[in-house]
Amino acid sequence: MNKRYRNETNDLHDGAEFHCRHGMDSDWSIGPLHMHPHYEFFLFVQGNAQILIEDESFDAQPMDLFIYPPGVLHRALIKDHNVPYERAYCYITRKALADMSDDRFPMLQILESAMSRGDYSYHVDDENAGSLLRLLDEWIANASSEDPFSRSMNRCRINMISLITCKVVQRKDIITPRPPDRMSNIIRYINDHLLEPLPLESLAEQFYLSKYTLLHDFKSYANISVHQFILQKRILYAQELMRNGVKPGDAAGQSGFTDYAGFYRAFIRYNAVTPQAYYAGARLQTAASDSAR
């Protein structure tokens, strides 16, 4: 069992299409709002935690399932460190989900449809929760094996984890979020006005706060600054534009950046590649997908 959760933007390395973990901590270091380029199926096992997903928050109950799609900011806010925080989760790419899908049960389509509605959180019945946890632990136990049978079995386990997750999604036993608070409303306002200038002074005035209070309260809630949050959201939107064929220079202006130099520096900081390299890679992926159809 992994004893330390790592807050990495991309937790899949060396071309991996999926990976599982199971962690439990009594002294977990709270990570910031973050996002992945892949899906995360997150099963909350025990603890006293509030799950933050974009501008919504949820009081997590044992065996609740949270699905974080690519590009959606999320974090766990631990409310009581005297209670062990335990969770099990699976990272999986869109490509892997598409490859495991078929016409009778199109898993990627099922998930994408739910995510487009913002349905990220679900109650799970005991049988399916037990199956998910068992499959995750079995995958972890066999992850380091080089035996071809074990590797094939682990791919089957990922398929089963994805199938059960989609089955839970189809039942639509959705968790009701907490009533919006001030921080939720601030994040929602930023998302709604992302392509407009968002100086801190005017944002603070919008919510009748001092600039200091805004900076302090936002950092306490999200564990990143307001400026970092806005940059991440704008970079994410620029990536979407480039995947849809918009050139880097145009994507910079269309995603809320006032100058290309600032966009270039921020893009490299969050992606470790230049906008041009990302754009070229996205075009190659699109061409490969089109030729495979």
C-alpha atoms as a PDB file:
ATOM      1  CA  MET A   1       0.000   0.000   0.000  1.00  0.00           C
ATOM      2  CA  ASN A   2       1.461   3.371  -0.959  1.00  0.00           C
ATOM      3  CA  LYS A   3       1.889   5.552   2.118  1.00  0.00           C
ATOM      4  CA  ARG A   4       2.393   8.850   0.378  1.00  0.00           C
ATOM      5  CA  TYR A   5       0.184  10.564  -2.169  1.00  0.00           C
ATOM      6  CA  ARG A   6       2.030  12.545  -4.813  1.00  0.00           C
ATOM      7  CA  ASN A   7       0.439  15.625  -6.320  1.00  0.00           C
ATOM      8  CA  GLU A   8       1.597  15.329  -9.919  1.00  0.00           C
ATOM      9  CA  THR A   9      -0.204  16.708 -12.924  1.00  0.00           C
ATOM     10  CA  ASN A  10       0.521  13.533 -14.889  1.00  0.00           C
ATOM     11  CA  ASP A  11       0.733  10.339 -12.823  1.00  0.00           C
ATOM     12  CA  LEU A  12       1.166   8.089 -15.863  1.00  0.00           C
ATOM     13  CA  HIS A  13       4.751   7.750 -17.038  1.00  0.00           C
ATOM     14  CA  ASP A  14       6.702   6.073 -19.828  1.00  0.00           C
ATOM     15  CA  GLY A  15       3.677   5.658 -22.057  1.00  0.00           C
ATOM     16  CA  ALA A  16       1.558   3.838 -19.450  1.00  0.00           C
ATOM     17  CA  GLU A  17      -2.181   3.872 -20.116  1.00  0.00           C
ATOM     18  CA  PHE A  18      -3.336   3.030 -16.587  1.00  0.00           C
ATOM     19  CA  HIS A  19      -2.094   2.723 -13.011  1.00  0.00           C
ATOM     20  CA  CYS A  20      -3.662   2.019  -9.602  1.00  0.00           C
ATOM     21  CA  ARG A  21      -2.830   3.047  -6.047  1.00  0.00           C
ATOM     22  CA  HIS A  22      -4.185   2.522  -2.552  1.00  0.00           C
ATOM     23  CA  GLY A  23      -3.054   4.902   0.156  1.00  0.00           C
ATOM     24  CA  MET A  24      -3.745   5.507   3.842  1.00  0.00           C
ATOM     25  CA  ASP A  25      -2.252   8.337   5.893  1.00  0.00           C
ATOM     26  CA  SER A  26      -2.687   9.874   9.317  1.00  0.00           C
ATOM     27  CA  ASP A  27      -0.440  12.834   8.504  1.00  0.00           C
ATOM     28  CA  TRP A  28      -1.308  13.414   4.852  1.00  0.00           C
ATOM     29  CA  SER A  29       0.148  16.608   3.423  1.00  0.00           C
ATOM     30  CA  ILE A  30      -2.688  18.511   1.792  1.00  0.00           C
ATOM     31  CA  GLY A  31      -2.133  18.982  -1.914  1.00  0.00           C
ATOM     32  CA  PRO A  32      -3.381  21.825  -4.095  1.00  0.00           C
ATOM     33  CA  LEU A  33      -6.201  21.869  -6.582  1.00  0.00           C
ATOM     34  CA  HIS A  34      -4.719  19.997  -9.513  1.00  0.00           C
ATOM     35  CA  MET A  35      -5.742  18.251 -12.710  1.00  0.00           C
ATOM     36  CA  HIS A  36      -4.586  15.383 -14.913  1.00  0.00           C
ATOM     37  CA  PRO A  37      -4.485  14.754 -18.674  1.00  0.00           C
ATOM     38  CA  HIS A  38      -6.104  11.384 -17.924  1.00  0.00           C
ATOM     39  CA  TYR A  39      -9.117  10.083 -16.002  1.00  0.00           C
ATOM     40  CA  GLU A  40      -8.974   9.287 -12.292  1.00  0.00           C
ATOM     41  CA  PHE A  41     -11.483   6.931 -10.629  1.00  0.00           C
ATOM     42  CA  PHE A  42     -11.213   7.835  -6.934  1.00  0.00           C
ATOM     43  CA  LEU A  43     -12.799   5.585  -4.294  1.00  0.00           C
ATOM     44  CA  PHE A  44     -12.952   7.244  -0.869  1.00  0.00           C
ATOM     45  CA  VAL A  45     -12.517   4.441   1.682  1.00  0.00           C
ATOM     46  CA  GLN A  46     -12.458   6.211   5.051  1.00  0.00           C
ATOM     47  CA  GLY A  47     -11.618   9.481   6.772  1.00  0.00           C
ATOM     48  CA  ASN A  48     -13.049  12.901   7.405  1.00  0.00           C
ATOM     49  CA  ALA A  49     -12.606  14.761   4.154  1.00  0.00           C
ATOM     50  CA  GLN A  50     -14.260  17.260   1.895  1.00  0.00           C
ATOM     51  CA  ILE A  51     -13.762  16.650  -1.828  1.00  0.00           C
ATOM     52  CA  LEU A  52     -13.413  19.799  -3.934  1.00  0.00           C
ATOM     53  CA  ILE A  53     -14.145  19.575  -7.667  1.00  0.00           C
ATOM     54  CA  GLU A  54     -13.941  22.890  -9.514  1.00  0.00           C
ATOM     55  CA  ASP A  55     -16.618  25.099  -7.915  1.00  0.00           C
ATOM     56  CA  GLU A  56     -18.378  22.333  -5.959  1.00  0.00           C
ATOM     57  CA  SER A  57     -17.535  20.518  -2.731  1.00  0.00           C
ATOM     58  CA  PHE A  58     -18.771  17.240  -1.262  1.00  0.00           C
ATOM     59  CA  ASP A  59     -18.787  15.657   2.186  1.00  0.00           C
ATOM     60  CA  ALA A  60     -17.206  12.302   1.364  1.00  0.00           C
ATOM     61  CA  GLN A  61     -18.694   9.158   2.878  1.00  0.00           C
ATOM     62  CA  PRO A  62     -17.004   5.721   2.929  1.00  0.00           C
ATOM     63  CA  MET A  63     -17.037   4.075  -0.507  1.00  0.00           C
ATOM     64  CA  ASP A  64     -18.205   7.156  -2.385  1.00  0.00           C
ATOM     65  CA  LEU A  65     -16.805   7.249  -5.923  1.00  0.00           C
ATOM     66  CA  PHE A  66     -15.479  10.424  -7.518  1.00  0.00           C
ATOM     67  CA  ILE A  67     -14.563  10.579 -11.197  1.00  0.00           C
ATOM     68  CA  TYR A  68     -12.088  13.255 -12.241  1.00  0.00           C
ATOM     69  CA  PRO A  69     -11.965  13.662 -16.024  1.00  0.00           C
ATOM     70  CA  PRO A  70      -8.980  15.201 -17.804  1.00  0.00           C
ATOM     71  CA  GLY A  71      -8.556  18.878 -17.075  1.00  0.00           C
ATOM     72  CA  VAL A  72     -10.932  19.140 -14.109  1.00  0.00           C
ATOM     73  CA  LEU A  73      -9.401  20.650 -10.965  1.00  0.00           C
ATOM     74  CA  HIS A  74      -9.890  18.689  -7.740  1.00  0.00           C
ATOM     75  CA  ARG A  75      -8.421  18.049  -4.309  1.00  0.00           C
ATOM     76  CA  ALA A  76      -9.207  16.413  -0.984  1.00  0.00           C
ATOM     77  CA  LEU A  77      -9.505  18.777   1.977  1.00  0.00           C
ATOM     78  CA  ILE A  78      -8.838  16.816   5.175  1.00  0.00           C
ATOM     79  CA  LYS A  79     -11.119  17.993   7.992  1.00  0.00           C
ATOM     80  CA  ASP A  80      -9.776  15.836  10.836  1.00  0.00           C
ATOM     81  CA  HIS A  81      -6.226  14.452  10.834  1.00  0.00           C
ATOM     82  CA  ASN A  82      -7.039  12.216  13.812  1.00  0.00           C
ATOM     83  CA  VAL A  83      -8.996   9.971  11.437  1.00  0.00           C
ATOM     84  CA  PRO A  84      -6.869   7.992   8.924  1.00  0.00           C
ATOM     85  CA  TYR A  85      -7.424   9.153   5.359  1.00  0.00           C
ATOM     86  CA  GLU A  86      -7.713   6.133   3.059  1.00  0.00           C
ATOM     87  CA  ARG A  87      -8.437   6.074  -0.673  1.00  0.00           C
ATOM     88  CA  ALA A  88      -7.919   3.793  -3.643  1.00  0.00           C
ATOM     89  CA  TYR A  89      -7.791   5.081  -7.193  1.00  0.00           C
ATOM     90  CA  CYS A  90      -7.127   4.268 -10.810  1.00  0.00           C
ATOM     91  CA  TYR A  91      -5.585   6.495 -13.463  1.00  0.00           C
ATOM     92  CA  ILE A  92      -6.578   5.648 -17.029  1.00  0.00           C
ATOM     93  CA  THR A  93      -6.263   7.404 -20.372  1.00  0.00           C
ATOM     94  CA  ARG A  94      -9.084   8.192 -22.755  1.00  0.00           C
ATOM     95  CA  LYS A  95      -7.360   5.966 -25.317  1.00  0.00           C
ATOM     96  CA  ALA A  96      -7.397   2.955 -22.983  1.00  0.00           C
ATOM     97  CA  LEU A  97     -11.087   3.516 -22.243  1.00  0.00           C
ATOM     98  CA  ALA A  98     -11.846   3.795 -25.955  1.00  0.00           C
ATOM     99  CA  ASP A  99      -9.891   0.612 -26.716  1.00  0.00           C
ATOM    100  CA  MET A 100     -11.840  -1.293 -24.032  1.00  0.00           C
ATOM    101  CA  SER A 101     -15.184  -0.030 -25.284  1.00  0.00           C
ATOM    102  CA  ASP A 102     -17.433  -1.641 -27.859  1.00  0.00           C
ATOM    103  CA  ASP A 103     -20.749  -0.808 -29.486  1.00  0.00           C
ATOM    104  CA  ARG A 104     -22.714  -2.672 -26.810  1.00  0.00           C
ATOM    105  CA  PHE A 105     -21.069  -0.892 -23.884  1.00  0.00           C
ATOM    106  CA  PRO A 106     -19.206   2.265 -25.007  1.00  0.00           C
ATOM    107  CA  MET A 107     -17.437   3.086 -21.745  1.00  0.00           C
ATOM    108  CA  LEU A 108     -15.718   6.242 -22.902  1.00  0.00           C
ATOM    109  CA  GLN A 109     -18.980   7.603 -24.321  1.00  0.00           C
ATOM    110  CA  ILE A 110     -20.811   6.795 -21.066  1.00  0.00           C
ATOM    111  CA  LEU A 111     -18.202   8.633 -19.010  1.00  0.00           C
ATOM    112  CA  GLU A 112     -17.859  11.605 -21.358  1.00  0.00           C
ATOM    113  CA  SER A 113     -21.621  12.108 -21.363  1.00  0.00           C
ATOM    114  CA  ALA A 114     -21.756  12.117 -17.544  1.00  0.00           C
ATOM    115  CA  MET A 115     -18.733  14.399 -17.253  1.00  0.00           C
ATOM    116  CA  SER A 116     -20.247  16.892 -19.700  1.00  0.00           C
ATOM    117  CA  ARG A 117     -23.154  17.209 -17.240  1.00  0.00           C
ATOM    118  CA  GLY A 118     -20.766  17.690 -14.333  1.00  0.00           C
ATOM    119  CA  ASP A 119     -21.809  14.392 -12.713  1.00  0.00           C
ATOM    120  CA  TYR A 120     -18.520  13.647 -10.971  1.00  0.00           C
ATOM    121  CA  SER A 121     -19.647  12.017  -7.700  1.00  0.00           C
ATOM    122  CA  TYR A 122     -21.601   8.839  -6.899  1.00  0.00           C
ATOM    123  CA  HIS A 123     -22.801   6.685  -4.018  1.00  0.00           C
ATOM    124  CA  VAL A 124     -21.700   3.077  -4.580  1.00  0.00           C
ATOM    125  CA  ASP A 125     -23.545   0.020  -3.264  1.00  0.00           C
ATOM    126  CA  ASP A 126     -21.606  -2.397  -1.048  1.00  0.00           C
ATOM    127  CA  GLU A 127     -21.216  -5.079  -3.727  1.00  0.00           C
ATOM    128  CA  ASN A 128     -19.729  -2.798  -6.373  1.00  0.00           C
ATOM    129  CA  ALA A 129     -17.598  -0.913  -3.839  1.00  0.00           C
ATOM    130  CA  GLY A 130     -16.160  -4.201  -2.570  1.00  0.00           C
ATOM    131  CA  SER A 131     -15.456  -5.356  -6.116  1.00  0.00           C
ATOM    132  CA  LEU A 132     -13.699  -2.101  -6.992  1.00  0.00           C
ATOM    133  CA  LEU A 133     -11.495  -2.202  -3.908  1.00  0.00           C
ATOM    134  CA  ARG A 134     -10.612  -5.871  -4.428  1.00  0.00           C
ATOM    135  CA  LEU A 135      -9.726  -5.351  -8.090  1.00  0.00           C
ATOM    136  CA  LEU A 136      -7.606  -2.293  -7.304  1.00  0.00           C
ATOM    137  CA  ASP A 137      -5.676  -4.161  -4.612  1.00  0.00           C
ATOM    138  CA  GLU A 138      -5.191  -7.203  -6.853  1.00  0.00           C
ATOM    139  CA  TRP A 139      -3.862  -4.948  -9.630  1.00  0.00           C
ATOM    140  CA  ILE A 140      -1.391  -3.327  -7.214  1.00  0.00           C
ATOM    141  CA  ALA A 141      -0.242  -6.711  -5.882  1.00  0.00           C
ATOM    142  CA  ASN A 142       0.605  -7.859  -9.417  1.00  0.00           C
ATOM    143  CA  ALA A 143       1.815  -4.567 -10.884  1.00  0.00           C
ATOM    144  CA  SER A 144       5.536  -5.347 -10.637  1.00  0.00           C
ATOM    145  CA  SER A 145       5.252  -8.851 -12.092  1.00  0.00           C
ATOM    146  CA  GLU A 146       6.881  -9.527 -15.451  1.00  0.00           C
ATOM    147  CA  ASP A 147       4.866 -12.716 -15.891  1.00  0.00           C
ATOM    148  CA  PRO A 148       2.772 -12.442 -19.104  1.00  0.00           C
ATOM    149  CA  PHE A 149      -0.217 -14.073 -17.399  1.00  0.00           C
ATOM    150  CA  SER A 150      -0.144 -11.579 -14.506  1.00  0.00           C
ATOM    151  CA  ARG A 151       0.164  -8.647 -16.919  1.00  0.00           C
ATOM    152  CA  SER A 152      -2.797  -9.896 -18.967  1.00  0.00           C
ATOM    153  CA  MET A 153      -4.821 -10.418 -15.809  1.00  0.00           C
ATOM    154  CA  ASN A 154      -4.077  -6.871 -14.718  1.00  0.00           C
ATOM    155  CA  ARG A 155      -5.377  -5.537 -18.013  1.00  0.00           C
ATOM    156  CA  CYS A 156      -8.542  -7.560 -17.417  1.00  0.00           C
ATOM    157  CA  ARG A 157      -8.774  -6.038 -13.937  1.00  0.00           C
ATOM    158  CA  ILE A 158      -8.538  -2.523 -15.386  1.00  0.00           C
ATOM    159  CA  ASN A 159     -11.308  -3.443 -17.802  1.00  0.00           C
ATOM    160  CA  MET A 160     -13.463  -4.652 -14.899  1.00  0.00           C
ATOM    161  CA  ILE A 161     -12.717  -1.513 -12.847  1.00  0.00           C
ATOM    162  CA  SER A 162     -13.818   0.609 -15.805  1.00  0.00           C
ATOM    163  CA  LEU A 163     -16.923  -1.489 -16.432  1.00  0.00           C
ATOM    164  CA  ILE A 164     -18.035  -1.258 -12.784  1.00  0.00           C
ATOM    165  CA  THR A 165     -17.357   2.480 -12.768  1.00  0.00           C
ATOM    166  CA  CYS A 166     -19.533   2.952 -15.856  1.00  0.00           C
ATOM    167  CA  LYS A 167     -22.217   0.735 -14.318  1.00  0.00           C
ATOM    168  CA  VAL A 168     -22.239   3.012 -11.235  1.00  0.00           C
ATOM    169  CA  VAL A 169     -22.442   6.077 -13.493  1.00  0.00           C
ATOM    170  CA  GLN A 170     -25.430   4.649 -15.352  1.00  0.00           C
ATOM    171  CA  ARG A 171     -27.332   4.148 -12.086  1.00  0.00           C
ATOM    172  CA  LYS A 172     -27.060   7.921 -11.486  1.00  0.00           C
ATOM    173  CA  ASP A 173     -27.023   7.719  -7.683  1.00  0.00           C
ATOM    174  CA  ILE A 174     -25.367  11.117  -7.621  1.00  0.00           C
ATOM    175  CA  ILE A 175     -24.033  12.781  -4.477  1.00  0.00           C
ATOM    176  CA  THR A 176     -25.536  16.186  -3.711  1.00  0.00           C
ATOM    177  CA  PRO A 177     -22.854  18.869  -3.324  1.00  0.00           C
ATOM    178  CA  ARG A 178     -22.624  21.130  -0.315  1.00  0.00           C
ATOM    179  CA  PRO A 179     -24.428  24.483  -0.609  1.00  0.00           C
ATOM    180  CA  PRO A 180     -22.190  26.978  -2.437  1.00  0.00           C
ATOM    181  CA  ASP A 181     -19.941  29.032  -0.182  1.00  0.00           C
ATOM    182  CA  ARG A 182     -17.926  32.134  -0.947  1.00  0.00           C
ATOM    183  CA  MET A 183     -14.944  30.244  -2.367  1.00  0.00           C
ATOM    184  CA  SER A 184     -17.200  28.140  -4.598  1.00  0.00           C
ATOM    185  CA  ASN A 185     -18.800  31.307  -5.927  1.00  0.00           C
ATOM    186  CA  ILE A 186     -15.410  32.903  -6.569  1.00  0.00           C
ATOM    187  CA  ILE A 187     -14.220  29.874  -8.563  1.00  0.00           C
ATOM    188  CA  ARG A 188     -17.479  29.828 -10.513  1.00  0.00           C
ATOM    189  CA  TYR A 189     -17.111  33.537 -11.279  1.00  0.00           C
ATOM    190  CA  ILE A 190     -13.542  32.986 -12.530  1.00  0.00           C
ATOM    191  CA  ASN A 191     -14.672  30.114 -14.748  1.00  0.00           C
ATOM    192  CA  ASP A 192     -17.518  32.208 -16.173  1.00  0.00           C
ATOM    193  CA  HIS A 193     -15.251  35.218 -16.883  1.00  0.00           C
ATOM    194  CA  LEU A 194     -12.026  33.388 -17.730  1.00  0.00           C
ATOM    195  CA  LEU A 195     -11.519  35.076 -21.097  1.00  0.00           C
ATOM    196  CA  GLU A 196     -11.926  38.556 -19.627  1.00  0.00           C
ATOM    197  CA  PRO A 197      -9.342  40.559 -17.646  1.00  0.00           C
ATOM    198  CA  LEU A 198      -9.440  39.366 -14.033  1.00  0.00           C
ATOM    199  CA  PRO A 199      -7.331  41.775 -11.955  1.00  0.00           C
ATOM    200  CA  LEU A 200      -7.262  40.847  -8.286  1.00  0.00           C
ATOM    201  CA  GLU A 201      -8.571  44.243  -7.232  1.00  0.00           C
ATOM    202  CA  SER A 202     -11.771  43.961  -9.268  1.00  0.00           C
ATOM    203  CA  LEU A 203     -12.232  40.317  -8.270  1.00  0.00           C
ATOM    204  CA  ALA A 204     -11.967  41.286  -4.596  1.00  0.00           C
ATOM    205  CA  GLU A 205     -14.433  44.129  -5.091  1.00  0.00           C
ATOM    206  CA  GLN A 206     -16.895  41.785  -6.812  1.00  0.00           C
ATOM    207  CA  PHE A 207     -17.129  39.781  -3.579  1.00  0.00           C
ATOM    208  CA  TYR A 208     -16.772  42.707  -1.142  1.00  0.00           C
ATOM    209  CA  LEU A 209     -13.387  41.524   0.076  1.00  0.00           C
ATOM    210  CA  SER A 210     -10.050  43.150   0.601  1.00  0.00           C
ATOM    211  CA  LYS A 211      -7.330  41.988  -1.761  1.00  0.00           C
ATOM    212  CA  TYR A 212      -5.480  40.463   1.202  1.00  0.00           C
ATOM    213  CA  THR A 213      -8.539  38.512   2.353  1.00  0.00           C
ATOM    214  CA  LEU A 214      -9.121  37.195  -1.160  1.00  0.00           C
ATOM    215  CA  LEU A 215      -5.521  36.034  -1.493  1.00  0.00           C
ATOM    216  CA  HIS A 216      -5.428  34.469   1.969  1.00  0.00           C
ATOM    217  CA  ASP A 217      -8.816  32.723   1.831  1.00  0.00           C
ATOM    218  CA  PHE A 218      -8.332  31.401  -1.700  1.00  0.00           C
ATOM    219  CA  LYS A 219      -4.913  29.975  -0.866  1.00  0.00           C
ATOM    220  CA  SER A 220      -6.316  28.323   2.278  1.00  0.00           C
ATOM    221  CA  TYR A 221      -9.126  26.751   0.235  1.00  0.00           C
ATOM    222  CA  ALA A 222      -7.300  25.726  -2.938  1.00  0.00           C
ATOM    223  CA  ASN A 223      -3.665  25.587  -1.729  1.00  0.00           C
ATOM    224  CA  ILE A 224      -2.695  27.531  -4.837  1.00  0.00           C
ATOM    225  CA  SER A 225      -2.924  31.250  -5.463  1.00  0.00           C
ATOM    226  CA  VAL A 226      -5.718  32.949  -7.401  1.00  0.00           C
ATOM    227  CA  HIS A 227      -3.168  33.834 -10.088  1.00  0.00           C
ATOM    228  CA  GLN A 228      -2.035  30.198 -10.422  1.00  0.00           C
ATOM    229  CA  PHE A 229      -5.626  29.019 -10.647  1.00  0.00           C
ATOM    230  CA  ILE A 230      -6.458  31.473 -13.431  1.00  0.00           C
ATOM    231  CA  LEU A 231      -3.280  30.526 -15.326  1.00  0.00           C
ATOM    232  CA  GLN A 232      -4.075  26.807 -15.098  1.00  0.00           C
ATOM    233  CA  LYS A 233      -7.612  27.308 -16.373  1.00  0.00           C
ATOM    234  CA  ARG A 234      -6.457  29.489 -19.282  1.00  0.00           C
ATOM    235  CA  ILE A 235      -3.704  27.035 -20.236  1.00  0.00           C
ATOM    236  CA  LEU A 236      -6.245  24.224 -20.151  1.00  0.00           C
ATOM    237  CA  TYR A 237      -8.544  26.126 -22.497  1.00  0.00           C
ATOM    238  CA  ALA A 238      -5.626  26.926 -24.819  1.00  0.00           C
ATOM    239  CA  GLN A 239      -4.787  23.204 -24.946  1.00  0.00           C
ATOM    240  CA  GLU A 240      -8.356  22.416 -25.934  1.00  0.00           C
ATOM    241  CA  LEU A 241      -8.215  25.014 -28.694  1.00  0.00           C
ATOM    242  CA  MET A 242      -4.945  23.592 -30.043  1.00  0.00           C
ATOM    243  CA  ARG A 243      -6.324  20.052 -30.004  1.00  0.00           C
ATOM    244  CA  ASN A 244      -9.134  21.417 -32.178  1.00  0.00           C
ATOM    245  CA  GLY A 245      -6.672  22.870 -34.681  1.00  0.00           C
ATOM    246  CA  VAL A 246      -6.203  26.445 -33.431  1.00  0.00           C
ATOM    247  CA  LYS A 247      -2.580  27.556 -33.843  1.00  0.00           C
ATOM    248  CA  PRO A 248      -0.620  28.498 -30.680  1.00  0.00           C
ATOM    249  CA  GLY A 249      -0.547  32.235 -31.365  1.00  0.00           C
ATOM    250  CA  ASP A 250      -4.314  32.372 -31.889  1.00  0.00           C
ATOM    251  CA  ALA A 251      -4.953  30.048 -28.933  1.00  0.00           C
ATOM    252  CA  ALA A 252      -3.053  32.433 -26.651  1.00  0.00           C
ATOM    253  CA  GLY A 253      -5.304  35.370 -27.503  1.00  0.00           C
ATOM    254  CA  GLN A 254      -8.492  33.313 -27.447  1.00  0.00           C
ATOM    255  CA  SER A 255      -7.763  31.869 -23.978  1.00  0.00           C
ATOM    256  CA  GLY A 256      -7.439  35.183 -22.139  1.00  0.00           C
ATOM    257  CA  PHE A 257      -3.709  35.945 -22.379  1.00  0.00           C
ATOM    258  CA  THR A 258      -2.824  39.526 -23.255  1.00  0.00           C
ATOM    259  CA  ASP A 259       0.595  38.725 -24.750  1.00  0.00           C
ATOM    260  CA  TYR A 260       2.224  35.678 -26.298  1.00  0.00           C
ATOM    261  CA  ALA A 261       5.364  35.860 -24.168  1.00  0.00           C
ATOM    262  CA  GLY A 262       3.343  35.441 -20.973  1.00  0.00           C
ATOM    263  CA  PHE A 263       1.388  32.601 -22.532  1.00  0.00           C
ATOM    264  CA  TYR A 264       4.600  30.897 -23.693  1.00  0.00           C
ATOM    265  CA  ARG A 265       6.225  31.030 -20.244  1.00  0.00           C
ATOM    266  CA  ALA A 266       3.081  29.792 -18.478  1.00  0.00           C
ATOM    267  CA  PHE A 267       2.530  26.996 -20.988  1.00  0.00           C
ATOM    268  CA  ILE A 268       6.046  25.611 -20.539  1.00  0.00           C
ATOM    269  CA  ARG A 269       5.741  25.896 -16.749  1.00  0.00           C
ATOM    270  CA  TYR A 270       2.600  23.729 -16.665  1.00  0.00           C
ATOM    271  CA  ASN A 271       3.328  21.357 -19.554  1.00  0.00           C
ATOM    272  CA  ALA A 272       7.138  21.125 -19.792  1.00  0.00           C
ATOM    273  CA  VAL A 273       6.832  21.503 -23.584  1.00  0.00           C
ATOM    274  CA  THR A 274       6.470  24.528 -25.849  1.00  0.00           C
ATOM    275  CA  PRO A 275       3.059  25.455 -27.286  1.00  0.00           C
ATOM    276  CA  GLN A 276       4.383  24.617 -30.753  1.00  0.00           C
ATOM    277  CA  ALA A 277       5.442  21.116 -29.658  1.00  0.00           C
ATOM    278  CA  TYR A 278       2.083  20.526 -27.973  1.00  0.00           C
ATOM    279  CA  TYR A 279       0.222  21.719 -31.076  1.00  0.00           C
ATOM    280  CA  ALA A 280       2.305  19.473 -33.359  1.00  0.00           C
ATOM    281  CA  GLY A 281       1.708  16.474 -31.107  1.00  0.00           C
ATOM    282  CA  ALA A 282      -2.025  17.168 -30.977  1.00  0.00           C
ATOM    283  CA  ARG A 283      -2.209  17.361 -34.773  1.00  0.00           C
ATOM    284  CA  LEU A 284      -0.361  14.050 -35.100  1.00  0.00           C
ATOM    285  CA  GLN A 285      -2.766  12.393 -32.665  1.00  0.00           C
ATOM    286  CA  THR A 286      -5.743  13.749 -34.599  1.00  0.00           C
ATOM    287  CA  ALA A 287      -4.303  12.493 -37.887  1.00  0.00           C
ATOM    288  CA  ALA A 288      -3.649   9.048 -36.373  1.00  0.00           C
ATOM    289  CA  SER A 289      -7.207   8.862 -35.000  1.00  0.00           C
ATOM    290  CA  ASP A 290      -8.683   9.877 -38.345  1.00  0.00           C
ATOM    291  CA  SER A 291      -6.663   7.252 -40.233  1.00  0.00           C
ATOM    292  CA  ALA A 292      -7.722   4.541 -37.783  1.00  0.00           C
ATOM    293  CA  ARG A 293     -11.419   5.122 -38.495  1.00  0.00           C
END
